[in-house]
Amino acid sequence: SRAFSNREFGGQYNRNFVTVDEFEKILNQLYVNGYVLVDMDSFIAETVTGETITYSSKSLYLPDGKKPFMMTETMVNYFNYMIDGNEDGVPDKDGAGFASKLVLDGNGDIKAEYVDANGQANVGNYDLVPILEDFIKEHPDFSYQGARAILAVTGHEGVFGYRINSAVVASKGNDYWEKEVAGAKEITNALRDKGYTIACYTYKNDAYAGWSVAQIQADLQSWATQITSVIGNVDTFVFAKTSNISDYNGNAFQTMYQSGFRYFISNADSPMTQVNPTYVRQNRLMVTGETMQHYTSRFTGLFDCAAILEVNIRGDIAKSK
């Protein structure tokens, strides 16, 4: 309700986001409908010959009636404009109801920090990762061989709620920056230990479609200097703003390939995975308020959108222009 009533961005939040309750219902319906969470390693083999990696499909064996699916969460950044109402760089009661960062609790479990409408900081299941972790604890057969989701982050405000960009040194000081870097490294390591794949969602959350090679190079250079230096190399790229590149043989692709990316994920009306000897392409379904209300047929067999959407707090959801 805090998000959807936000004066400036309420309509955008209504179109683009899923609530905690909706996500929990989605997981339950996927489980009841026989879906099992897998990741790229579940069905793609990597053969290393010298410095060359070759990709191929491998068999995936599930119990009768079970069906594999993958999950991606994008922009796992916790941007300031969503959580900081007075723009002082600190999450507060005037934020729009979103979690502010991923943290480790006293038991070492991955949770989300959230500042409520009273200004009280809470730690719990306020975003995808901790909700999914608790669901897998309750239903271990939901995850195939420990598979987890792909978490795609931009870089211009740091990752997972940690402001690791060197620009913050000027405003917050070096001690603040070093603390944020340490926090980002700790949570990144914890996520990878659980089986999550960290992916690049561009540095600035921009659409690469139509960009020049020089623009892509500049964006990926910012990623390399500001983000890779903290969280390490990633080989998975999720295209931002429903974009893609038109030619997987052209200069734009070669620029991305030379930056170390081998798994390329974009959006489409139906899912698809294509395994090539030197790279892998995948299309994903975007699960948002807008797609669940206006494009329900995309999710037939996965979950029932009418039973998921919280229309009592959403109302009508406007289509994107």
C-alpha atoms as a PDB file:
ATOM      1  CA  SER A   1       0.000   0.000   0.000  1.00  0.00           C
ATOM      2  CA  ARG A   2       2.931   2.391   0.632  1.00  0.00           C
ATOM      3  CA  ALA A   3       4.253   1.692  -2.859  1.00  0.00           C
ATOM      4  CA  PHE A   4       1.018   1.939  -4.806  1.00  0.00           C
ATOM      5  CA  SER A   5      -0.056   5.154  -3.048  1.00  0.00           C
ATOM      6  CA  ASN A   6       3.289   6.852  -3.714  1.00  0.00           C
ATOM      7  CA  ARG A   7       2.481  10.180  -5.358  1.00  0.00           C
ATOM      8  CA  GLU A   8       5.349  10.201  -7.837  1.00  0.00           C
ATOM      9  CA  PHE A   9       5.982   6.548  -8.683  1.00  0.00           C
ATOM     10  CA  GLY A  10       2.876   4.682  -7.530  1.00  0.00           C
ATOM     11  CA  GLY A  11       1.698   3.850 -11.041  1.00  0.00           C
ATOM     12  CA  GLN A  12       5.160   2.629 -12.025  1.00  0.00           C
ATOM     13  CA  TYR A  13       5.390   0.427  -8.941  1.00  0.00           C
ATOM     14  CA  ASN A  14       1.935  -0.983  -9.668  1.00  0.00           C
ATOM     15  CA  ARG A  15       2.936  -1.926 -13.213  1.00  0.00           C
ATOM     16  CA  ASN A  16       6.420  -3.270 -12.573  1.00  0.00           C
ATOM     17  CA  PHE A  17       6.502  -4.973  -9.178  1.00  0.00           C
ATOM     18  CA  VAL A  18       5.162  -7.999  -7.304  1.00  0.00           C
ATOM     19  CA  THR A  19       4.197  -7.834  -3.640  1.00  0.00           C
ATOM     20  CA  VAL A  20       5.550 -10.150  -0.954  1.00  0.00           C
ATOM     21  CA  ASP A  21       2.166 -11.889  -0.586  1.00  0.00           C
ATOM     22  CA  GLU A  22       1.841 -12.318  -4.357  1.00  0.00           C
ATOM     23  CA  PHE A  23       5.298 -13.851  -4.635  1.00  0.00           C
ATOM     24  CA  GLU A  24       4.561 -16.302  -1.836  1.00  0.00           C
ATOM     25  CA  LYS A  25       1.356 -17.352  -3.622  1.00  0.00           C
ATOM     26  CA  ILE A  26       3.272 -17.752  -6.898  1.00  0.00           C
ATOM     27  CA  LEU A  27       5.774 -20.091  -5.240  1.00  0.00           C
ATOM     28  CA  ASN A  28       2.986 -22.165  -3.735  1.00  0.00           C
ATOM     29  CA  GLN A  29       1.166 -22.485  -7.052  1.00  0.00           C
ATOM     30  CA  LEU A  30       4.345 -23.399  -8.922  1.00  0.00           C
ATOM     31  CA  TYR A  31       5.000 -26.123  -6.360  1.00  0.00           C
ATOM     32  CA  VAL A  32       1.451 -27.478  -6.482  1.00  0.00           C
ATOM     33  CA  ASN A  33       1.589 -27.464 -10.288  1.00  0.00           C
ATOM     34  CA  GLY A  34       4.677 -29.672 -10.275  1.00  0.00           C
ATOM     35  CA  TYR A  35       7.444 -27.177 -11.065  1.00  0.00           C
ATOM     36  CA  VAL A  36      11.001 -27.655  -9.859  1.00  0.00           C
ATOM     37  CA  LEU A  37      13.558 -24.825  -9.696  1.00  0.00           C
ATOM     38  CA  VAL A  38      16.654 -25.452 -11.832  1.00  0.00           C
ATOM     39  CA  ASP A  39      19.594 -23.321 -12.947  1.00  0.00           C
ATOM     40  CA  MET A  40      21.864 -23.257 -16.000  1.00  0.00           C
ATOM     41  CA  ASP A  41      24.191 -25.848 -14.483  1.00  0.00           C
ATOM     42  CA  SER A  42      21.257 -28.263 -14.249  1.00  0.00           C
ATOM     43  CA  PHE A  43      21.052 -28.799 -18.006  1.00  0.00           C
ATOM     44  CA  ILE A  44      24.093 -27.135 -19.613  1.00  0.00           C
ATOM     45  CA  ALA A  45      27.517 -28.760 -19.689  1.00  0.00           C
ATOM     46  CA  GLU A  46      30.734 -26.750 -19.918  1.00  0.00           C
ATOM     47  CA  THR A  47      33.704 -28.519 -21.522  1.00  0.00           C
ATOM     48  CA  VAL A  48      37.048 -26.811 -20.925  1.00  0.00           C
ATOM     49  CA  THR A  49      39.818 -27.313 -23.486  1.00  0.00           C
ATOM     50  CA  GLY A  50      42.806 -25.182 -22.671  1.00  0.00           C
ATOM     51  CA  GLU A  51      41.395 -21.652 -22.379  1.00  0.00           C
ATOM     52  CA  THR A  52      38.270 -22.468 -24.414  1.00  0.00           C
ATOM     53  CA  ILE A  53      34.883 -23.384 -22.922  1.00  0.00           C
ATOM     54  CA  THR A  54      32.365 -25.226 -25.089  1.00  0.00           C
ATOM     55  CA  TYR A  55      28.680 -25.347 -24.107  1.00  0.00           C
ATOM     56  CA  SER A  56      26.272 -28.211 -24.770  1.00  0.00           C
ATOM     57  CA  SER A  57      22.966 -29.529 -23.457  1.00  0.00           C
ATOM     58  CA  LYS A  58      22.884 -32.357 -20.930  1.00  0.00           C
ATOM     59  CA  SER A  59      20.023 -34.505 -19.747  1.00  0.00           C
ATOM     60  CA  LEU A  60      17.929 -33.383 -16.811  1.00  0.00           C
ATOM     61  CA  TYR A  61      16.126 -36.134 -14.888  1.00  0.00           C
ATOM     62  CA  LEU A  62      13.142 -35.249 -12.693  1.00  0.00           C
ATOM     63  CA  PRO A  63      10.454 -37.416 -11.080  1.00  0.00           C
ATOM     64  CA  ASP A  64       7.364 -38.168 -13.169  1.00  0.00           C
ATOM     65  CA  GLY A  65       5.062 -35.162 -13.390  1.00  0.00           C
ATOM     66  CA  LYS A  66       7.739 -32.628 -12.446  1.00  0.00           C
ATOM     67  CA  LYS A  67       8.631 -29.739 -14.779  1.00  0.00           C
ATOM     68  CA  PRO A  68      11.744 -27.542 -14.667  1.00  0.00           C
ATOM     69  CA  PHE A  69      11.675 -23.763 -14.511  1.00  0.00           C
ATOM     70  CA  MET A  70      14.204 -20.997 -13.859  1.00  0.00           C
ATOM     71  CA  MET A  71      13.805 -17.788 -11.881  1.00  0.00           C
ATOM     72  CA  THR A  72      15.434 -14.375 -12.300  1.00  0.00           C
ATOM     73  CA  GLU A  73      15.076 -11.271 -10.143  1.00  0.00           C
ATOM     74  CA  THR A  74      16.292  -8.048 -11.741  1.00  0.00           C
ATOM     75  CA  MET A  75      17.546  -4.795 -10.234  1.00  0.00           C
ATOM     76  CA  VAL A  76      18.369  -6.314  -6.850  1.00  0.00           C
ATOM     77  CA  ASN A  77      19.866  -2.972  -5.891  1.00  0.00           C
ATOM     78  CA  TYR A  78      17.438  -1.249  -3.501  1.00  0.00           C
ATOM     79  CA  PHE A  79      17.673   2.191  -5.079  1.00  0.00           C
ATOM     80  CA  ASN A  80      17.624   5.261  -2.867  1.00  0.00           C
ATOM     81  CA  TYR A  81      14.584   6.812  -4.532  1.00  0.00           C
ATOM     82  CA  MET A  82      12.505   3.798  -3.450  1.00  0.00           C
ATOM     83  CA  ILE A  83      13.539   3.764   0.214  1.00  0.00           C
ATOM     84  CA  ASP A  84      14.718   7.266   1.150  1.00  0.00           C
ATOM     85  CA  GLY A  85      11.918   9.824   1.371  1.00  0.00           C
ATOM     86  CA  ASN A  86      13.986  12.833   2.478  1.00  0.00           C
ATOM     87  CA  GLU A  87      16.934  12.062   0.195  1.00  0.00           C
ATOM     88  CA  ASP A  88      19.594  12.033   2.893  1.00  0.00           C
ATOM     89  CA  GLY A  89      20.941   8.648   1.814  1.00  0.00           C
ATOM     90  CA  VAL A  90      19.340   6.739   4.708  1.00  0.00           C
ATOM     91  CA  PRO A  91      16.220   4.536   4.418  1.00  0.00           C
ATOM     92  CA  ASP A  92      13.314   6.104   6.296  1.00  0.00           C
ATOM     93  CA  LYS A  93       9.570   5.970   7.025  1.00  0.00           C
ATOM     94  CA  ASP A  94       8.813   8.020   3.920  1.00  0.00           C
ATOM     95  CA  GLY A  95      10.211   5.382   1.575  1.00  0.00           C
ATOM     96  CA  ALA A  96       7.830   3.508  -0.700  1.00  0.00           C
ATOM     97  CA  GLY A  97       7.610   0.242   1.231  1.00  0.00           C
ATOM     98  CA  PHE A  98      10.560  -1.621  -0.289  1.00  0.00           C
ATOM     99  CA  ALA A  99      13.377  -3.500   1.406  1.00  0.00           C
ATOM    100  CA  SER A 100      16.599  -1.505   1.717  1.00  0.00           C
ATOM    101  CA  LYS A 101      19.323  -4.170   1.516  1.00  0.00           C
ATOM    102  CA  LEU A 102      20.168  -7.850   1.879  1.00  0.00           C
ATOM    103  CA  VAL A 103      21.810  -8.739   5.185  1.00  0.00           C
ATOM    104  CA  LEU A 104      22.850 -11.733   7.258  1.00  0.00           C
ATOM    105  CA  ASP A 105      20.914 -12.263  10.478  1.00  0.00           C
ATOM    106  CA  GLY A 106      22.272 -13.631  13.735  1.00  0.00           C
ATOM    107  CA  ASN A 107      21.970 -17.186  12.417  1.00  0.00           C
ATOM    108  CA  GLY A 108      23.865 -16.394   9.238  1.00  0.00           C
ATOM    109  CA  ASP A 109      20.697 -16.614   7.121  1.00  0.00           C
ATOM    110  CA  ILE A 110      20.170 -14.195   4.234  1.00  0.00           C
ATOM    111  CA  LYS A 111      17.386 -11.755   5.048  1.00  0.00           C
ATOM    112  CA  ALA A 112      16.207  -8.333   3.887  1.00  0.00           C
ATOM    113  CA  GLU A 113      16.308  -5.138   5.913  1.00  0.00           C
ATOM    114  CA  TYR A 114      13.137  -3.047   5.751  1.00  0.00           C
ATOM    115  CA  VAL A 115      12.184   0.298   7.325  1.00  0.00           C
ATOM    116  CA  ASP A 116       8.470   0.398   8.092  1.00  0.00           C
ATOM    117  CA  ALA A 117       6.045   3.352   8.081  1.00  0.00           C
ATOM    118  CA  ASN A 118       6.984   4.124  11.701  1.00  0.00           C
ATOM    119  CA  GLY A 119      10.681   4.383  10.878  1.00  0.00           C
ATOM    120  CA  GLN A 120      11.474   1.087  12.566  1.00  0.00           C
ATOM    121  CA  ALA A 121      14.183  -1.036  10.917  1.00  0.00           C
ATOM    122  CA  ASN A 122      13.220  -4.705  10.606  1.00  0.00           C
ATOM    123  CA  VAL A 123      15.061  -7.768   9.344  1.00  0.00           C
ATOM    124  CA  GLY A 124      13.044 -10.553   7.754  1.00  0.00           C
ATOM    125  CA  ASN A 125      11.445 -11.960   4.614  1.00  0.00           C
ATOM    126  CA  TYR A 126      10.889  -8.702   2.732  1.00  0.00           C
ATOM    127  CA  ASP A 127      12.192  -9.696  -0.698  1.00  0.00           C
ATOM    128  CA  LEU A 128      12.680 -12.638  -3.044  1.00  0.00           C
ATOM    129  CA  VAL A 129      15.816 -14.255  -1.613  1.00  0.00           C
ATOM    130  CA  PRO A 130      14.738 -14.824   2.013  1.00  0.00           C
ATOM    131  CA  ILE A 131      11.207 -15.801   0.931  1.00  0.00           C
ATOM    132  CA  LEU A 132      12.619 -18.352  -1.513  1.00  0.00           C
ATOM    133  CA  GLU A 133      15.084 -19.662   1.079  1.00  0.00           C
ATOM    134  CA  ASP A 134      12.335 -20.331   3.616  1.00  0.00           C
ATOM    135  CA  PHE A 135      10.158 -21.955   0.953  1.00  0.00           C
ATOM    136  CA  ILE A 136      12.974 -24.329  -0.022  1.00  0.00           C
ATOM    137  CA  LYS A 137      13.555 -25.179   3.648  1.00  0.00           C
ATOM    138  CA  GLU A 138       9.903 -26.182   3.863  1.00  0.00           C
ATOM    139  CA  HIS A 139       9.875 -27.878   0.442  1.00  0.00           C
ATOM    140  CA  PRO A 140      13.412 -29.108  -0.316  1.00  0.00           C
ATOM    141  CA  ASP A 141      12.182 -30.978  -3.398  1.00  0.00           C
ATOM    142  CA  PHE A 142      11.325 -27.605  -4.979  1.00  0.00           C
ATOM    143  CA  SER A 143      15.046 -27.054  -5.718  1.00  0.00           C
ATOM    144  CA  TYR A 144      16.851 -29.427  -8.087  1.00  0.00           C
ATOM    145  CA  GLN A 145      20.318 -30.207  -6.694  1.00  0.00           C
ATOM    146  CA  GLY A 146      20.415 -26.947  -4.752  1.00  0.00           C
ATOM    147  CA  ALA A 147      19.402 -24.691  -7.652  1.00  0.00           C
ATOM    148  CA  ARG A 148      18.620 -21.071  -6.859  1.00  0.00           C
ATOM    149  CA  ALA A 149      17.625 -17.929  -8.778  1.00  0.00           C
ATOM    150  CA  ILE A 150      19.630 -15.541 -10.934  1.00  0.00           C
ATOM    151  CA  LEU A 151      20.012 -12.111  -9.295  1.00  0.00           C
ATOM    152  CA  ALA A 152      20.691  -9.356 -11.829  1.00  0.00           C
ATOM    153  CA  VAL A 153      22.044  -6.024 -10.599  1.00  0.00           C
ATOM    154  CA  THR A 154      22.906  -2.690 -12.146  1.00  0.00           C
ATOM    155  CA  GLY A 155      25.931  -0.883 -10.822  1.00  0.00           C
ATOM    156  CA  HIS A 156      25.369   2.846 -10.618  1.00  0.00           C
ATOM    157  CA  GLU A 157      24.031   2.708  -7.047  1.00  0.00           C
ATOM    158  CA  GLY A 158      25.993  -0.312  -5.953  1.00  0.00           C
ATOM    159  CA  VAL A 159      24.609  -3.822  -5.408  1.00  0.00           C
ATOM    160  CA  PHE A 160      22.228  -5.481  -2.919  1.00  0.00           C
ATOM    161  CA  GLY A 161      21.757  -2.163  -1.072  1.00  0.00           C
ATOM    162  CA  TYR A 162      25.473  -1.449  -0.596  1.00  0.00           C
ATOM    163  CA  ARG A 163      26.798   1.821  -2.080  1.00  0.00           C
ATOM    164  CA  ILE A 164      30.157   0.602  -3.325  1.00  0.00           C
ATOM    165  CA  ASN A 165      30.790   3.139  -6.093  1.00  0.00           C
ATOM    166  CA  SER A 166      33.917   5.207  -5.626  1.00  0.00           C
ATOM    167  CA  ALA A 167      31.857   8.391  -6.041  1.00  0.00           C
ATOM    168  CA  VAL A 168      30.439   7.988  -2.514  1.00  0.00           C
ATOM    169  CA  VAL A 169      33.897   8.610  -1.047  1.00  0.00           C
ATOM    170  CA  ALA A 170      33.544  12.329  -1.779  1.00  0.00           C
ATOM    171  CA  SER A 171      30.189  12.619   0.008  1.00  0.00           C
ATOM    172  CA  LYS A 172      30.389   9.916   2.687  1.00  0.00           C
ATOM    173  CA  GLY A 173      34.099   9.399   3.240  1.00  0.00           C
ATOM    174  CA  ASN A 174      36.468   6.490   2.738  1.00  0.00           C
ATOM    175  CA  ASP A 175      35.470   4.699   5.958  1.00  0.00           C
ATOM    176  CA  TYR A 176      31.840   4.549   4.778  1.00  0.00           C
ATOM    177  CA  TRP A 177      32.916   3.242   1.376  1.00  0.00           C
ATOM    178  CA  GLU A 178      35.128   0.537   2.884  1.00  0.00           C
ATOM    179  CA  LYS A 179      32.290  -0.595   5.172  1.00  0.00           C
ATOM    180  CA  GLU A 180      29.898  -0.803   2.209  1.00  0.00           C
ATOM    181  CA  VAL A 181      32.441  -2.753   0.162  1.00  0.00           C
ATOM    182  CA  ALA A 182      32.938  -5.212   3.019  1.00  0.00           C
ATOM    183  CA  GLY A 183      29.167  -5.648   3.326  1.00  0.00           C
ATOM    184  CA  ALA A 184      28.746  -6.189  -0.410  1.00  0.00           C
ATOM    185  CA  LYS A 185      31.469  -8.820  -0.447  1.00  0.00           C
ATOM    186  CA  GLU A 186      29.986 -10.630   2.551  1.00  0.00           C
ATOM    187  CA  ILE A 187      26.462 -10.837   1.116  1.00  0.00           C
ATOM    188  CA  THR A 188      27.724 -11.720  -2.375  1.00  0.00           C
ATOM    189  CA  ASN A 189      29.744 -14.613  -0.976  1.00  0.00           C
ATOM    190  CA  ALA A 190      26.750 -15.795   1.068  1.00  0.00           C
ATOM    191  CA  LEU A 191      24.490 -15.696  -2.004  1.00  0.00           C
ATOM    192  CA  ARG A 192      26.967 -17.653  -4.112  1.00  0.00           C
ATOM    193  CA  ASP A 193      27.443 -20.187  -1.321  1.00  0.00           C
ATOM    194  CA  LYS A 194      23.670 -20.785  -1.399  1.00  0.00           C
ATOM    195  CA  GLY A 195      23.764 -21.321  -5.161  1.00  0.00           C
ATOM    196  CA  TYR A 196      22.546 -17.966  -6.490  1.00  0.00           C
ATOM    197  CA  THR A 197      23.967 -16.717  -9.781  1.00  0.00           C
ATOM    198  CA  ILE A 198      24.939 -13.038  -9.863  1.00  0.00           C
ATOM    199  CA  ALA A 199      24.321 -11.347 -13.219  1.00  0.00           C
ATOM    200  CA  CYS A 200      24.955  -7.959 -14.798  1.00  0.00           C
ATOM    201  CA  TYR A 201      21.874  -5.884 -15.669  1.00  0.00           C
ATOM    202  CA  THR A 202      24.059  -3.221 -17.340  1.00  0.00           C
ATOM    203  CA  TYR A 203      25.814  -0.606 -15.233  1.00  0.00           C
ATOM    204  CA  LYS A 204      23.291   2.211 -15.657  1.00  0.00           C
ATOM    205  CA  ASN A 205      20.059   0.229 -16.229  1.00  0.00           C
ATOM    206  CA  ASP A 206      20.044   1.136 -19.922  1.00  0.00           C
ATOM    207  CA  ALA A 207      18.722  -0.575 -23.046  1.00  0.00           C
ATOM    208  CA  TYR A 208      21.572  -1.819 -25.221  1.00  0.00           C
ATOM    209  CA  ALA A 209      19.282  -2.089 -28.257  1.00  0.00           C
ATOM    210  CA  GLY A 210      20.399   0.578 -30.714  1.00  0.00           C
ATOM    211  CA  TRP A 211      23.473   1.501 -28.694  1.00  0.00           C
ATOM    212  CA  SER A 212      26.793   1.939 -30.428  1.00  0.00           C
ATOM    213  CA  VAL A 213      29.704  -0.330 -29.612  1.00  0.00           C
ATOM    214  CA  ALA A 214      31.428   2.620 -27.929  1.00  0.00           C
ATOM    215  CA  GLN A 215      28.447   3.184 -25.623  1.00  0.00           C
ATOM    216  CA  ILE A 216      28.322  -0.490 -24.642  1.00  0.00           C
ATOM    217  CA  GLN A 217      32.068  -0.515 -24.045  1.00  0.00           C
ATOM    218  CA  ALA A 218      31.804   2.526 -21.787  1.00  0.00           C
ATOM    219  CA  ASP A 219      28.957   1.014 -19.769  1.00  0.00           C
ATOM    220  CA  LEU A 220      30.768  -2.293 -19.313  1.00  0.00           C
ATOM    221  CA  GLN A 221      33.966  -0.481 -18.390  1.00  0.00           C
ATOM    222  CA  SER A 222      32.089   1.245 -15.565  1.00  0.00           C
ATOM    223  CA  TRP A 223      30.797  -2.178 -14.498  1.00  0.00           C
ATOM    224  CA  ALA A 224      34.329  -3.593 -14.543  1.00  0.00           C
ATOM    225  CA  THR A 225      35.911  -0.799 -12.516  1.00  0.00           C
ATOM    226  CA  GLN A 226      33.105  -0.179 -10.019  1.00  0.00           C
ATOM    227  CA  ILE A 227      31.432  -3.572  -9.579  1.00  0.00           C
ATOM    228  CA  THR A 228      33.679  -6.423 -10.766  1.00  0.00           C
ATOM    229  CA  SER A 229      36.445  -5.137  -8.527  1.00  0.00           C
ATOM    230  CA  VAL A 230      34.175  -5.788  -5.527  1.00  0.00           C
ATOM    231  CA  ILE A 231      31.974  -8.817  -6.368  1.00  0.00           C
ATOM    232  CA  GLY A 232      34.265 -10.559  -8.867  1.00  0.00           C
ATOM    233  CA  ASN A 233      33.636 -11.731 -12.426  1.00  0.00           C
ATOM    234  CA  VAL A 234      30.184 -12.711 -13.670  1.00  0.00           C
ATOM    235  CA  ASP A 235      29.415 -14.577 -16.898  1.00  0.00           C
ATOM    236  CA  THR A 236      25.660 -13.937 -17.057  1.00  0.00           C
ATOM    237  CA  PHE A 237      24.080 -10.846 -18.619  1.00  0.00           C
ATOM    238  CA  VAL A 238      20.386  -9.899 -18.350  1.00  0.00           C
ATOM    239  CA  PHE A 239      19.290  -7.195 -20.793  1.00  0.00           C
ATOM    240  CA  ALA A 240      17.708  -4.163 -19.135  1.00  0.00           C
ATOM    241  CA  LYS A 241      14.504  -2.372 -20.139  1.00  0.00           C
ATOM    242  CA  THR A 242      13.127  -5.303 -22.198  1.00  0.00           C
ATOM    243  CA  SER A 243      15.923  -4.792 -24.753  1.00  0.00           C
ATOM    244  CA  ASN A 244      18.202  -7.164 -26.649  1.00  0.00           C
ATOM    245  CA  ILE A 245      20.826  -6.947 -29.356  1.00  0.00           C
ATOM    246  CA  SER A 246      19.762  -7.740 -32.913  1.00  0.00           C
ATOM    247  CA  ASP A 247      22.858  -9.610 -34.043  1.00  0.00           C
ATOM    248  CA  TYR A 248      24.686 -12.256 -32.032  1.00  0.00           C
ATOM    249  CA  ASN A 249      27.500 -12.206 -34.564  1.00  0.00           C
ATOM    250  CA  GLY A 250      28.034  -8.451 -34.658  1.00  0.00           C
ATOM    251  CA  ASN A 251      30.371  -6.026 -32.927  1.00  0.00           C
ATOM    252  CA  ALA A 252      28.031  -5.342 -30.007  1.00  0.00           C
ATOM    253  CA  PHE A 253      27.901  -9.040 -29.154  1.00  0.00           C
ATOM    254  CA  GLN A 254      31.668  -9.379 -29.536  1.00  0.00           C
ATOM    255  CA  THR A 255      32.156  -6.490 -27.139  1.00  0.00           C
ATOM    256  CA  MET A 256      29.996  -8.199 -24.524  1.00  0.00           C
ATOM    257  CA  TYR A 257      31.618 -11.561 -25.201  1.00  0.00           C
ATOM    258  CA  GLN A 258      35.089 -10.095 -24.750  1.00  0.00           C
ATOM    259  CA  SER A 259      33.928  -8.696 -21.414  1.00  0.00           C
ATOM    260  CA  GLY A 260      33.425 -12.287 -20.238  1.00  0.00           C
ATOM    261  CA  PHE A 261      29.680 -12.826 -20.722  1.00  0.00           C
ATOM    262  CA  ARG A 262      28.549 -16.241 -21.965  1.00  0.00           C
ATOM    263  CA  TYR A 263      24.910 -16.452 -20.808  1.00  0.00           C
ATOM    264  CA  PHE A 264      22.568 -13.845 -22.321  1.00  0.00           C
ATOM    265  CA  ILE A 265      18.998 -13.440 -21.022  1.00  0.00           C
ATOM    266  CA  SER A 266      16.323 -11.217 -22.565  1.00  0.00           C
ATOM    267  CA  ASN A 267      12.512 -10.893 -22.368  1.00  0.00           C
ATOM    268  CA  ALA A 268       9.834 -12.416 -24.586  1.00  0.00           C
ATOM    269  CA  ASP A 269       6.202 -13.525 -24.599  1.00  0.00           C
ATOM    270  CA  SER A 270       7.280 -17.134 -24.112  1.00  0.00           C
ATOM    271  CA  PRO A 271      10.396 -18.704 -22.565  1.00  0.00           C
ATOM    272  CA  MET A 272      13.195 -20.244 -24.648  1.00  0.00           C
ATOM    273  CA  THR A 273      16.741 -21.492 -24.157  1.00  0.00           C
ATOM    274  CA  GLN A 274      19.204 -21.859 -27.039  1.00  0.00           C
ATOM    275  CA  VAL A 275      22.551 -23.562 -26.407  1.00  0.00           C
ATOM    276  CA  ASN A 276      25.334 -22.649 -28.824  1.00  0.00           C
ATOM    277  CA  PRO A 277      28.891 -24.023 -28.650  1.00  0.00           C
ATOM    278  CA  THR A 278      30.302 -20.694 -27.459  1.00  0.00           C
ATOM    279  CA  TYR A 279      27.357 -19.064 -25.636  1.00  0.00           C
ATOM    280  CA  VAL A 280      23.828 -19.587 -24.326  1.00  0.00           C
ATOM    281  CA  ARG A 281      20.742 -17.462 -25.014  1.00  0.00           C
ATOM    282  CA  GLN A 282      17.549 -17.449 -23.003  1.00  0.00           C
ATOM    283  CA  ASN A 283      14.201 -15.630 -23.047  1.00  0.00           C
ATOM    284  CA  ARG A 284      12.320 -15.116 -19.792  1.00  0.00           C
ATOM    285  CA  LEU A 285       8.763 -14.163 -18.905  1.00  0.00           C
ATOM    286  CA  MET A 286       8.483 -10.924 -16.948  1.00  0.00           C
ATOM    287  CA  VAL A 287       6.206 -11.366 -13.941  1.00  0.00           C
ATOM    288  CA  THR A 288       4.838  -7.935 -13.026  1.00  0.00           C
ATOM    289  CA  GLY A 289       1.563  -6.369 -12.008  1.00  0.00           C
ATOM    290  CA  GLU A 290       1.003  -5.334 -15.603  1.00  0.00           C
ATOM    291  CA  THR A 291       1.730  -8.711 -17.186  1.00  0.00           C
ATOM    292  CA  MET A 292      -0.332 -10.602 -14.624  1.00  0.00           C
ATOM    293  CA  GLN A 293      -3.365  -8.380 -15.233  1.00  0.00           C
ATOM    294  CA  HIS A 294      -3.149  -7.764 -18.968  1.00  0.00           C
ATOM    295  CA  TYR A 295      -1.221 -10.768 -20.337  1.00  0.00           C
ATOM    296  CA  THR A 296      -2.516 -13.623 -18.209  1.00  0.00           C
ATOM    297  CA  SER A 297      -2.249 -16.226 -20.988  1.00  0.00           C
ATOM    298  CA  ARG A 298       1.545 -16.097 -20.752  1.00  0.00           C
ATOM    299  CA  PHE A 299       1.350 -17.816 -17.380  1.00  0.00           C
ATOM    300  CA  THR A 300      -1.132 -20.567 -18.262  1.00  0.00           C
ATOM    301  CA  GLY A 301      -0.044 -23.759 -16.531  1.00  0.00           C
ATOM    302  CA  LEU A 302       2.381 -21.898 -14.261  1.00  0.00           C
ATOM    303  CA  PHE A 303       0.004 -20.065 -11.926  1.00  0.00           C
ATOM    304  CA  ASP A 304      -3.419 -18.433 -11.862  1.00  0.00           C
ATOM    305  CA  CYS A 305      -2.982 -14.668 -12.119  1.00  0.00           C
ATOM    306  CA  ALA A 306      -6.510 -13.989 -10.868  1.00  0.00           C
ATOM    307  CA  ALA A 307      -5.729 -15.824  -7.652  1.00  0.00           C
ATOM    308  CA  ILE A 308      -2.369 -14.073  -7.288  1.00  0.00           C
ATOM    309  CA  LEU A 309      -3.022 -10.362  -7.875  1.00  0.00           C
ATOM    310  CA  GLU A 310      -3.940  -8.265  -4.838  1.00  0.00           C
ATOM    311  CA  VAL A 311      -6.541  -6.200  -6.678  1.00  0.00           C
ATOM    312  CA  ASN A 312      -7.878  -4.796  -3.389  1.00  0.00           C
ATOM    313  CA  ILE A 313      -4.750  -2.651  -3.022  1.00  0.00           C
ATOM    314  CA  ARG A 314      -3.720  -2.429  -6.675  1.00  0.00           C
ATOM    315  CA  GLY A 315      -6.945  -1.425  -8.393  1.00  0.00           C
ATOM    316  CA  ASP A 316      -6.663  -1.207 -12.180  1.00  0.00           C
ATOM    317  CA  ILE A 317      -3.120  -1.410 -13.541  1.00  0.00           C
ATOM    318  CA  ALA A 318      -2.326   0.877 -16.456  1.00  0.00           C
ATOM    319  CA  LYS A 319      -0.580  -0.597 -19.480  1.00  0.00           C
ATOM    320  CA  SER A 320       2.835   0.748 -20.408  1.00  0.00           C
ATOM    321  CA  LYS A 321       2.848   3.076 -23.377  1.00  0.00           C
END
